[in-house]
N, C-alpha and C. Protein backbone atom coordinates (compact mmCIF):
# COMPACT_ATOMS: atom_id res chain seq x y z
N MET A 1 -34.04 -14.96 -28.70
CA MET A 1 -33.88 -13.65 -29.58
C MET A 1 -34.84 -14.19 -30.85
N VAL A 2 -34.78 -15.41 -31.49
CA VAL A 2 -35.40 -15.67 -32.56
C VAL A 2 -36.85 -15.64 -32.14
N SER A 3 -37.35 -15.72 -31.02
CA SER A 3 -38.85 -15.77 -30.84
C SER A 3 -39.35 -14.30 -30.69
N PHE A 4 -38.39 -13.56 -30.15
CA PHE A 4 -38.82 -12.24 -30.11
C PHE A 4 -38.70 -11.58 -31.64
N THR A 5 -38.05 -11.89 -32.51
CA THR A 5 -38.09 -11.47 -33.85
C THR A 5 -39.32 -12.05 -34.42
N ILE A 6 -39.62 -13.13 -34.32
CA ILE A 6 -40.87 -13.68 -34.94
C ILE A 6 -42.31 -12.91 -34.39
N ILE A 7 -42.20 -12.70 -33.17
CA ILE A 7 -43.32 -12.02 -32.47
C ILE A 7 -43.18 -10.52 -33.12
N LEU A 8 -41.99 -9.94 -33.54
CA LEU A 8 -42.10 -8.55 -33.90
C LEU A 8 -42.57 -8.65 -35.41
N ALA A 9 -42.05 -9.76 -36.15
CA ALA A 9 -42.55 -9.64 -37.59
C ALA A 9 -44.03 -9.99 -37.76
N CYS A 10 -44.58 -10.81 -36.71
CA CYS A 10 -46.07 -11.01 -36.68
C CYS A 10 -46.84 -9.71 -36.48
N LEU A 11 -46.34 -8.77 -35.58
CA LEU A 11 -46.88 -7.71 -35.19
C LEU A 11 -46.82 -6.71 -36.37
N LEU A 12 -45.84 -6.69 -36.97
CA LEU A 12 -45.63 -5.77 -38.38
C LEU A 12 -46.62 -6.23 -39.56
N VAL A 13 -46.88 -7.50 -39.63
CA VAL A 13 -47.78 -8.09 -40.59
C VAL A 13 -49.10 -7.74 -40.09
N PHE A 14 -49.47 -8.02 -38.96
CA PHE A 14 -50.87 -7.58 -38.40
C PHE A 14 -51.12 -6.23 -38.74
N GLU A 15 -50.32 -5.33 -38.64
CA GLU A 15 -50.53 -3.95 -38.58
C GLU A 15 -50.92 -3.82 -40.11
N ARG A 16 -50.01 -4.17 -41.06
CA ARG A 16 -50.31 -3.90 -42.55
C ARG A 16 -51.71 -4.67 -42.76
N ALA A 17 -51.89 -5.72 -42.21
CA ALA A 17 -53.16 -6.53 -42.60
C ALA A 17 -54.36 -5.78 -42.18
N SER A 18 -54.23 -5.14 -41.03
CA SER A 18 -55.50 -4.48 -40.32
C SER A 18 -55.67 -3.14 -41.17
N ASN A 19 -54.79 -2.64 -41.87
CA ASN A 19 -54.87 -1.41 -42.59
C ASN A 19 -55.93 -2.08 -43.90
N TYR A 20 -55.55 -2.97 -44.32
CA TYR A 20 -56.40 -3.87 -45.63
C TYR A 20 -57.75 -4.02 -45.11
N LEU A 21 -57.82 -4.46 -44.12
CA LEU A 21 -59.09 -4.97 -43.61
C LEU A 21 -59.96 -3.93 -43.42
N VAL A 22 -59.51 -2.74 -42.81
CA VAL A 22 -60.23 -1.37 -42.47
C VAL A 22 -60.66 -0.83 -44.24
N GLU A 23 -59.81 -0.72 -44.91
CA GLU A 23 -60.11 -0.23 -46.26
C GLU A 23 -60.96 -1.30 -46.97
N GLY A 24 -60.86 -2.62 -46.86
CA GLY A 24 -61.83 -3.40 -47.55
C GLY A 24 -63.20 -3.22 -46.84
N LEU A 25 -63.50 -3.30 -45.43
CA LEU A 25 -64.79 -3.21 -44.95
C LEU A 25 -65.26 -1.67 -45.20
N GLY A 26 -64.53 -0.69 -45.57
CA GLY A 26 -65.00 0.50 -45.69
C GLY A 26 -65.70 0.38 -47.00
N ALA A 27 -65.03 -0.17 -48.12
CA ALA A 27 -65.57 -0.39 -49.33
C ALA A 27 -66.84 -1.25 -49.34
N ILE A 28 -66.74 -2.20 -48.74
CA ILE A 28 -68.01 -3.31 -48.57
C ILE A 28 -69.08 -2.31 -47.84
N SER A 29 -68.80 -1.43 -46.94
CA SER A 29 -70.21 -0.80 -46.47
C SER A 29 -70.76 0.14 -47.36
N GLN A 30 -69.78 0.74 -48.42
CA GLN A 30 -70.18 1.77 -49.28
C GLN A 30 -70.89 1.10 -50.47
N ASN A 31 -70.37 -0.12 -50.71
CA ASN A 31 -70.86 -0.60 -51.94
C ASN A 31 -72.24 -1.47 -51.91
N PHE A 32 -72.23 -2.11 -50.72
CA PHE A 32 -73.32 -2.94 -50.14
C PHE A 32 -74.62 -2.40 -49.27
N ASP A 33 -74.21 -1.10 -48.82
CA ASP A 33 -74.99 -0.24 -48.03
C ASP A 33 -75.33 -1.17 -46.74
N ILE A 34 -74.11 -1.69 -46.15
CA ILE A 34 -74.15 -2.20 -44.95
C ILE A 34 -73.46 -1.45 -43.95
N SER A 35 -74.05 -1.30 -42.78
CA SER A 35 -73.58 -0.29 -41.63
C SER A 35 -72.15 -0.91 -41.40
N GLU A 36 -71.44 0.41 -41.02
CA GLU A 36 -69.93 0.17 -40.57
C GLU A 36 -69.99 -0.58 -39.27
N ALA A 37 -70.60 -0.49 -38.49
CA ALA A 37 -70.84 -0.90 -37.12
C ALA A 37 -71.19 -2.23 -37.22
N VAL A 38 -71.90 -2.80 -37.78
CA VAL A 38 -72.42 -4.25 -38.00
C VAL A 38 -70.94 -5.00 -38.72
N LEU A 39 -70.33 -4.25 -39.73
CA LEU A 39 -69.33 -4.86 -40.21
C LEU A 39 -68.13 -5.10 -39.31
N GLY A 40 -68.00 -3.97 -38.37
CA GLY A 40 -66.97 -4.09 -37.46
C GLY A 40 -67.24 -5.04 -36.16
N ALA A 41 -68.55 -5.19 -35.72
CA ALA A 41 -68.75 -6.10 -34.71
C ALA A 41 -68.96 -7.70 -35.43
N SER A 42 -68.72 -7.86 -36.78
CA SER A 42 -68.95 -9.05 -37.26
C SER A 42 -67.67 -9.63 -37.93
N ILE A 43 -67.30 -9.04 -39.17
CA ILE A 43 -66.25 -9.38 -40.10
C ILE A 43 -64.90 -8.94 -39.45
N ALA A 44 -64.92 -7.67 -38.89
CA ALA A 44 -63.71 -7.31 -38.55
C ALA A 44 -63.34 -7.65 -37.10
N ALA A 45 -64.25 -8.01 -36.15
CA ALA A 45 -64.26 -8.69 -35.03
C ALA A 45 -63.27 -10.02 -35.17
N MET A 46 -64.12 -10.93 -36.31
CA MET A 46 -63.69 -12.04 -36.51
C MET A 46 -62.16 -12.24 -37.17
N GLY A 47 -61.89 -11.23 -37.97
CA GLY A 47 -60.55 -11.13 -38.51
C GLY A 47 -59.45 -10.63 -37.51
N SER A 48 -59.79 -9.75 -36.60
CA SER A 48 -58.96 -9.29 -35.67
C SER A 48 -58.69 -10.47 -34.51
N SER A 49 -59.68 -11.19 -34.24
CA SER A 49 -59.65 -12.30 -33.35
C SER A 49 -58.95 -13.52 -33.76
N ALA A 50 -58.78 -13.73 -35.03
CA ALA A 50 -58.29 -14.93 -35.69
C ALA A 50 -56.85 -15.28 -34.95
N PRO A 51 -55.91 -14.32 -34.74
CA PRO A 51 -54.80 -14.77 -34.17
C PRO A 51 -54.94 -15.31 -32.93
N GLU A 52 -55.75 -14.56 -32.20
CA GLU A 52 -56.18 -15.00 -30.81
C GLU A 52 -56.62 -16.40 -30.68
N PHE A 53 -57.44 -16.57 -31.49
CA PHE A 53 -57.88 -17.87 -31.55
C PHE A 53 -57.24 -19.06 -31.80
N GLY A 54 -56.13 -18.86 -32.80
CA GLY A 54 -55.09 -19.56 -33.16
C GLY A 54 -54.11 -19.98 -32.19
N SER A 55 -53.80 -18.95 -31.29
CA SER A 55 -52.84 -19.12 -30.24
C SER A 55 -53.45 -19.83 -28.91
N SER A 56 -54.80 -19.62 -28.83
CA SER A 56 -55.42 -20.26 -27.90
C SER A 56 -55.72 -21.60 -28.22
N ALA A 57 -56.14 -21.93 -29.21
CA ALA A 57 -56.29 -23.45 -29.81
C ALA A 57 -55.04 -24.30 -29.80
N PHE A 58 -53.93 -23.47 -30.23
CA PHE A 58 -52.54 -24.15 -30.26
C PHE A 58 -52.18 -24.53 -28.82
N SER A 59 -52.47 -23.63 -27.79
CA SER A 59 -51.86 -23.61 -26.48
C SER A 59 -52.83 -24.68 -25.78
N VAL A 60 -54.07 -24.84 -26.14
CA VAL A 60 -54.71 -26.05 -25.50
C VAL A 60 -54.28 -27.31 -26.24
N ALA A 61 -53.93 -27.40 -27.36
CA ALA A 61 -53.55 -28.71 -27.94
C ALA A 61 -52.11 -28.97 -27.59
N GLN A 62 -51.59 -28.25 -27.20
CA GLN A 62 -49.99 -28.46 -26.59
C GLN A 62 -50.09 -28.60 -25.09
N GLY A 63 -51.22 -28.77 -24.48
CA GLY A 63 -51.15 -28.94 -23.18
C GLY A 63 -51.30 -27.74 -22.41
N HIS A 64 -51.33 -26.61 -22.71
CA HIS A 64 -51.21 -25.44 -21.89
C HIS A 64 -52.48 -24.71 -21.84
N PRO A 65 -53.66 -25.22 -21.47
CA PRO A 65 -54.95 -24.75 -21.45
C PRO A 65 -55.05 -23.18 -20.83
N THR A 66 -54.18 -23.01 -19.65
CA THR A 66 -54.51 -21.67 -18.86
C THR A 66 -53.76 -20.54 -19.86
N ILE A 67 -52.89 -21.03 -20.72
CA ILE A 67 -52.13 -19.85 -21.79
C ILE A 67 -53.53 -19.46 -22.61
N GLY A 68 -54.10 -20.41 -22.97
CA GLY A 68 -55.42 -20.25 -24.18
C GLY A 68 -56.64 -19.33 -23.42
N LEU A 69 -56.97 -19.84 -22.19
CA LEU A 69 -57.84 -18.81 -21.36
C LEU A 69 -57.30 -17.59 -20.85
N GLY A 70 -56.09 -17.55 -20.61
CA GLY A 70 -55.44 -16.30 -20.45
C GLY A 70 -55.56 -15.32 -21.54
N THR A 71 -55.18 -15.69 -22.68
CA THR A 71 -55.27 -15.20 -23.93
C THR A 71 -56.41 -14.36 -24.26
N ILE A 72 -57.62 -15.29 -24.05
CA ILE A 72 -59.03 -15.04 -24.28
C ILE A 72 -59.33 -13.77 -23.27
N ILE A 73 -59.03 -14.17 -21.87
CA ILE A 73 -59.58 -13.08 -21.11
C ILE A 73 -58.97 -11.86 -20.83
N GLY A 74 -57.50 -11.99 -21.26
CA GLY A 74 -56.63 -10.78 -21.46
C GLY A 74 -56.83 -9.86 -22.60
N SER A 75 -57.32 -10.42 -23.62
CA SER A 75 -57.59 -9.94 -25.12
C SER A 75 -59.20 -9.13 -24.57
N ALA A 76 -60.21 -9.85 -23.90
CA ALA A 76 -61.12 -9.15 -23.65
C ALA A 76 -61.12 -7.88 -22.97
N ILE A 77 -59.97 -7.88 -21.89
CA ILE A 77 -60.09 -6.68 -21.11
C ILE A 77 -59.17 -5.57 -21.80
N PHE A 78 -58.16 -6.16 -22.49
CA PHE A 78 -57.43 -5.25 -23.44
C PHE A 78 -58.33 -4.62 -24.46
N ASN A 79 -59.33 -5.27 -25.09
CA ASN A 79 -60.16 -4.63 -26.03
C ASN A 79 -61.18 -3.71 -25.64
N VAL A 80 -61.46 -3.84 -24.12
CA VAL A 80 -62.53 -2.65 -23.50
C VAL A 80 -61.68 -1.67 -23.11
N THR A 81 -60.51 -1.85 -22.68
CA THR A 81 -59.72 -0.70 -21.87
C THR A 81 -58.79 0.07 -23.10
N VAL A 82 -57.82 -0.71 -23.63
CA VAL A 82 -56.75 -0.26 -23.97
C VAL A 82 -57.19 0.23 -25.52
N ILE A 83 -57.94 -0.70 -26.42
CA ILE A 83 -58.36 -0.42 -27.65
C ILE A 83 -59.49 0.51 -27.88
N VAL A 84 -60.31 0.56 -26.93
CA VAL A 84 -61.38 1.71 -27.02
C VAL A 84 -60.73 3.19 -26.52
N GLY A 85 -59.96 3.09 -25.45
CA GLY A 85 -59.45 4.18 -24.93
C GLY A 85 -58.15 4.70 -25.97
N GLY A 86 -57.31 3.71 -26.44
CA GLY A 86 -56.26 4.20 -27.38
C GLY A 86 -56.91 4.77 -28.77
N ALA A 87 -57.83 4.27 -29.17
CA ALA A 87 -58.67 4.65 -30.36
C ALA A 87 -59.52 6.00 -30.29
N ALA A 88 -59.84 6.36 -28.99
CA ALA A 88 -60.58 7.55 -28.52
C ALA A 88 -59.41 8.74 -28.73
N ILE A 89 -58.17 8.50 -28.42
CA ILE A 89 -57.26 9.43 -28.26
C ILE A 89 -56.98 10.00 -29.69
N PHE A 90 -57.31 9.22 -30.71
CA PHE A 90 -56.98 9.84 -32.01
C PHE A 90 -58.31 10.39 -32.83
N GLY A 91 -59.33 10.31 -32.11
CA GLY A 91 -60.77 10.69 -32.76
C GLY A 91 -61.78 10.46 -31.76
N LYS A 92 -62.75 11.24 -31.75
CA LYS A 92 -63.96 11.10 -31.34
C LYS A 92 -64.95 10.13 -31.67
N TYR A 93 -65.37 9.43 -30.70
CA TYR A 93 -66.44 8.10 -31.05
C TYR A 93 -67.85 8.73 -31.18
N MET A 94 -68.66 8.36 -32.07
CA MET A 94 -69.91 8.70 -32.23
C MET A 94 -70.77 7.58 -32.15
N ILE A 95 -71.21 7.17 -30.93
CA ILE A 95 -72.03 5.67 -31.04
C ILE A 95 -73.44 6.00 -30.63
N GLU A 96 -74.43 5.35 -31.55
CA GLU A 96 -76.03 5.55 -31.37
C GLU A 96 -76.09 4.70 -30.09
N LYS A 97 -77.24 4.99 -29.26
CA LYS A 97 -77.51 4.22 -28.02
C LYS A 97 -78.01 2.88 -28.39
N ARG A 98 -78.56 3.00 -29.49
CA ARG A 98 -79.17 1.61 -29.84
C ARG A 98 -77.94 0.64 -30.33
N VAL A 99 -76.98 0.92 -30.62
CA VAL A 99 -75.92 0.05 -31.01
C VAL A 99 -75.01 -0.12 -29.81
N LEU A 100 -74.94 0.96 -28.90
CA LEU A 100 -74.19 0.77 -27.74
C LEU A 100 -75.16 -0.44 -26.98
N TYR A 101 -76.44 -0.13 -26.85
CA TYR A 101 -77.24 -1.07 -26.15
C TYR A 101 -77.25 -2.68 -26.64
N ARG A 102 -77.25 -2.62 -28.21
CA ARG A 102 -77.34 -4.11 -28.70
C ARG A 102 -75.76 -4.63 -28.21
N ASP A 103 -74.65 -4.00 -28.62
CA ASP A 103 -73.50 -4.69 -28.55
C ASP A 103 -72.99 -4.80 -27.26
N GLY A 104 -73.13 -3.62 -26.35
CA GLY A 104 -72.90 -3.81 -24.89
C GLY A 104 -73.72 -4.83 -23.95
N LEU A 105 -74.80 -4.81 -24.18
CA LEU A 105 -75.71 -5.57 -23.57
C LEU A 105 -75.26 -7.20 -23.94
N PHE A 106 -74.87 -7.35 -25.12
CA PHE A 106 -74.52 -8.76 -25.37
C PHE A 106 -73.34 -9.09 -24.93
N TYR A 107 -72.29 -8.04 -24.95
CA TYR A 107 -71.13 -8.39 -24.40
C TYR A 107 -71.03 -8.78 -23.00
N LEU A 108 -71.87 -7.90 -22.40
CA LEU A 108 -72.08 -8.32 -20.97
C LEU A 108 -72.70 -9.64 -20.59
N PHE A 109 -73.72 -10.23 -21.31
CA PHE A 109 -74.24 -11.16 -21.26
C PHE A 109 -73.12 -12.43 -21.72
N THR A 110 -72.22 -12.17 -22.67
CA THR A 110 -71.15 -13.00 -22.95
C THR A 110 -70.32 -13.22 -21.92
N VAL A 111 -69.98 -12.24 -21.23
CA VAL A 111 -69.20 -12.16 -20.04
C VAL A 111 -69.53 -12.92 -19.03
N LEU A 112 -70.80 -12.59 -18.74
CA LEU A 112 -71.39 -13.64 -17.52
C LEU A 112 -71.59 -15.06 -17.87
N VAL A 113 -71.85 -15.34 -19.11
CA VAL A 113 -71.85 -16.93 -19.72
C VAL A 113 -70.24 -17.49 -19.45
N ALA A 114 -69.30 -16.67 -19.73
CA ALA A 114 -67.93 -17.12 -19.70
C ALA A 114 -67.56 -17.45 -18.51
N ILE A 115 -67.84 -16.53 -17.41
CA ILE A 115 -67.54 -16.55 -15.96
C ILE A 115 -68.55 -17.78 -15.28
N LEU A 116 -69.64 -18.02 -15.73
CA LEU A 116 -70.35 -19.29 -15.37
C LEU A 116 -69.73 -20.56 -15.91
N GLY A 117 -69.21 -20.50 -17.16
CA GLY A 117 -68.94 -21.56 -17.67
C GLY A 117 -67.66 -22.01 -17.25
N VAL A 118 -66.75 -21.15 -16.80
CA VAL A 118 -65.34 -21.59 -16.32
C VAL A 118 -65.09 -21.62 -14.74
N MET A 119 -66.36 -21.26 -14.16
CA MET A 119 -66.36 -21.28 -12.69
C MET A 119 -66.01 -22.62 -11.88
N ASP A 120 -66.14 -23.78 -12.85
CA ASP A 120 -65.95 -25.18 -12.25
C ASP A 120 -64.67 -25.45 -12.70
N GLY A 121 -63.93 -24.63 -13.45
CA GLY A 121 -62.63 -25.05 -13.85
C GLY A 121 -62.26 -26.04 -14.78
N GLU A 122 -63.43 -26.12 -15.55
CA GLU A 122 -63.57 -27.07 -16.67
C GLU A 122 -64.31 -26.35 -17.80
N LEU A 123 -64.05 -26.66 -18.98
CA LEU A 123 -65.01 -26.22 -20.27
C LEU A 123 -65.15 -27.53 -21.20
N SER A 124 -66.29 -27.75 -21.09
CA SER A 124 -66.71 -29.01 -21.83
C SER A 124 -66.98 -28.74 -23.13
N GLN A 125 -67.26 -29.89 -24.08
CA GLN A 125 -67.55 -29.46 -25.35
C GLN A 125 -69.06 -29.05 -25.40
N ILE A 126 -69.90 -29.48 -24.61
CA ILE A 126 -71.32 -28.60 -24.77
C ILE A 126 -71.09 -27.46 -24.62
N GLU A 127 -70.47 -26.95 -23.68
CA GLU A 127 -70.19 -25.37 -23.37
C GLU A 127 -69.60 -24.78 -24.38
N ALA A 128 -68.45 -25.30 -25.16
CA ALA A 128 -68.05 -24.81 -26.29
C ALA A 128 -68.85 -24.58 -27.56
N ILE A 129 -70.09 -25.77 -27.48
CA ILE A 129 -70.75 -25.56 -28.53
C ILE A 129 -71.84 -24.53 -28.37
N SER A 130 -72.39 -24.56 -27.24
CA SER A 130 -73.43 -23.57 -26.82
C SER A 130 -72.80 -22.15 -26.96
N TRP A 131 -71.41 -22.05 -26.82
CA TRP A 131 -70.88 -20.45 -26.91
C TRP A 131 -70.86 -20.36 -28.38
N THR A 132 -70.71 -21.32 -29.20
CA THR A 132 -70.72 -21.09 -30.70
C THR A 132 -72.01 -20.71 -30.97
N VAL A 133 -73.28 -21.17 -30.57
CA VAL A 133 -74.33 -20.98 -30.93
C VAL A 133 -74.76 -19.72 -30.46
N ILE A 134 -74.32 -19.00 -29.23
CA ILE A 134 -74.51 -18.00 -28.84
C ILE A 134 -74.01 -16.71 -29.62
N PHE A 135 -72.85 -17.12 -30.38
CA PHE A 135 -72.03 -16.19 -31.22
C PHE A 135 -73.03 -16.18 -32.65
N LEU A 136 -73.27 -17.33 -33.01
CA LEU A 136 -74.45 -17.30 -34.38
C LEU A 136 -75.68 -16.40 -33.96
N GLY A 137 -76.08 -16.58 -32.72
CA GLY A 137 -77.42 -15.98 -32.30
C GLY A 137 -77.09 -14.28 -32.45
N TYR A 138 -76.02 -13.98 -32.08
CA TYR A 138 -75.56 -12.49 -32.03
C TYR A 138 -75.35 -12.02 -33.43
N LEU A 139 -74.74 -12.89 -34.46
CA LEU A 139 -74.57 -12.48 -35.89
C LEU A 139 -76.16 -12.52 -36.48
N GLY A 140 -77.02 -13.44 -36.08
CA GLY A 140 -78.46 -13.14 -36.38
C GLY A 140 -79.00 -12.06 -36.20
N TRP A 141 -78.74 -11.42 -34.87
CA TRP A 141 -79.04 -10.34 -34.42
C TRP A 141 -78.51 -9.12 -35.12
N LEU A 142 -77.37 -9.22 -35.27
CA LEU A 142 -76.79 -7.96 -36.14
C LEU A 142 -77.37 -8.12 -37.46
N ILE A 143 -77.50 -9.05 -38.14
CA ILE A 143 -78.24 -9.01 -39.62
C ILE A 143 -79.54 -8.42 -39.46
N HIS A 144 -80.34 -8.88 -38.63
CA HIS A 144 -81.64 -8.34 -38.09
C HIS A 144 -81.56 -6.86 -38.13
N ASP A 145 -80.65 -6.28 -37.27
CA ASP A 145 -80.65 -5.04 -36.83
C ASP A 145 -80.04 -4.02 -38.06
N ALA A 146 -79.18 -4.60 -38.96
CA ALA A 146 -78.81 -4.07 -39.92
C ALA A 146 -79.95 -4.01 -41.18
N ARG A 147 -80.89 -4.95 -41.33
CA ARG A 147 -81.81 -4.84 -42.16
C ARG A 147 -83.00 -3.81 -41.55
N LYS A 148 -83.23 -3.83 -40.48
CA LYS A 148 -84.06 -2.90 -39.78
C LYS A 148 -83.83 -1.28 -40.29
N GLY A 149 -82.13 -1.13 -39.89
CA GLY A 149 -81.47 0.03 -40.24
C GLY A 149 -81.73 0.48 -41.46
N ASN A 150 -81.56 -0.33 -42.43
CA ASN A 150 -81.63 -0.18 -43.84
C ASN A 150 -82.93 0.35 -44.29
N GLN A 151 -84.07 -0.47 -43.63
CA GLN A 151 -85.45 -0.12 -43.98
C GLN A 151 -85.55 1.34 -43.41
N CYS A 152 -85.16 1.73 -42.22
CA CYS A 152 -85.29 3.06 -41.83
C CYS A 152 -84.87 4.22 -42.61
N ARG A 153 -83.77 3.67 -43.26
CA ARG A 153 -83.10 4.67 -44.17
C ARG A 153 -83.89 5.05 -45.33
N LYS A 154 -84.21 3.94 -46.00
CA LYS A 154 -84.88 3.87 -47.25
C LYS A 154 -86.22 4.45 -47.21
N ASN A 155 -86.83 4.14 -46.05
CA ASN A 155 -88.27 4.55 -45.97
C ASN A 155 -88.78 4.79 -44.34
N PRO A 156 -88.35 6.18 -44.13
CA PRO A 156 -88.45 6.40 -42.58
C PRO A 156 -90.07 6.37 -42.51
N SER A 157 -90.23 6.17 -41.32
CA SER A 157 -91.69 5.84 -40.92
C SER A 157 -91.77 5.93 -39.23
N SER A 158 -93.06 5.94 -38.81
CA SER A 158 -93.18 6.14 -37.31
C SER A 158 -92.38 4.56 -36.50
N LEU A 159 -92.22 3.30 -37.69
CA LEU A 159 -91.58 2.28 -37.03
C LEU A 159 -90.23 2.45 -36.69
N CYS A 160 -89.49 3.60 -37.19
CA CYS A 160 -88.17 3.67 -37.05
C CYS A 160 -87.80 4.56 -35.86
N PRO A 161 -86.91 4.18 -35.04
CA PRO A 161 -86.97 4.83 -33.64
C PRO A 161 -86.32 6.02 -33.70
N GLN A 162 -85.36 6.46 -34.75
CA GLN A 162 -84.56 7.56 -34.76
C GLN A 162 -85.57 8.98 -34.82
N LYS A 163 -85.11 10.14 -34.54
CA LYS A 163 -85.77 11.26 -34.67
C LYS A 163 -84.93 12.07 -35.18
N GLY A 164 -85.27 13.06 -36.26
CA GLY A 164 -84.30 14.01 -36.88
C GLY A 164 -83.55 13.16 -37.96
N PRO A 165 -82.62 13.83 -38.50
CA PRO A 165 -81.73 12.97 -39.64
C PRO A 165 -81.50 11.60 -39.35
N LEU A 166 -81.52 11.00 -40.01
CA LEU A 166 -81.15 9.61 -40.05
C LEU A 166 -79.56 9.43 -40.30
N PRO A 167 -79.08 8.64 -39.52
CA PRO A 167 -77.56 8.49 -39.83
C PRO A 167 -77.42 7.77 -41.04
N THR A 168 -75.91 8.11 -41.21
CA THR A 168 -75.40 7.40 -42.52
C THR A 168 -74.91 5.97 -42.05
N SER A 169 -74.44 5.63 -40.89
CA SER A 169 -74.11 4.15 -40.34
C SER A 169 -74.91 4.01 -39.04
N CYS A 170 -75.16 2.82 -38.89
CA CYS A 170 -75.58 2.70 -37.36
C CYS A 170 -74.63 2.23 -36.54
């Protein structure tokens, strides 16, 4: 009963904290002219995954690595199905093709890397470090894409892929 109460309390705290996160990211997007999609794919993703990271790290440290792996894989499946589908129930998604390709293809790549990494039943430190490098590469790609998008909004030219009115967020 105590464990259930703790889990319920954590869910309530996470709900309130997620509202603060969304409000803060909206303000950052407006004040610094950074795409909401880029903030969502970086800062919001890291913030919402922090509890998952904690539970996975502690499960491995306490000798229950399959709980950690299950948390990661289950979360990825939950994010792609329930989170996207559930959010779409409350409103329509408007996603640019280049953002879908940028994030979707990278997600597919990381899923394939994860499958190949755990196929031998073991995760080495070299693999863990390489996964961190892959994430840093993704962040670099996001920053590059955000800069390119800002240049297009500030100075539309033939180098910008969009036709017609430029979006307010990428």
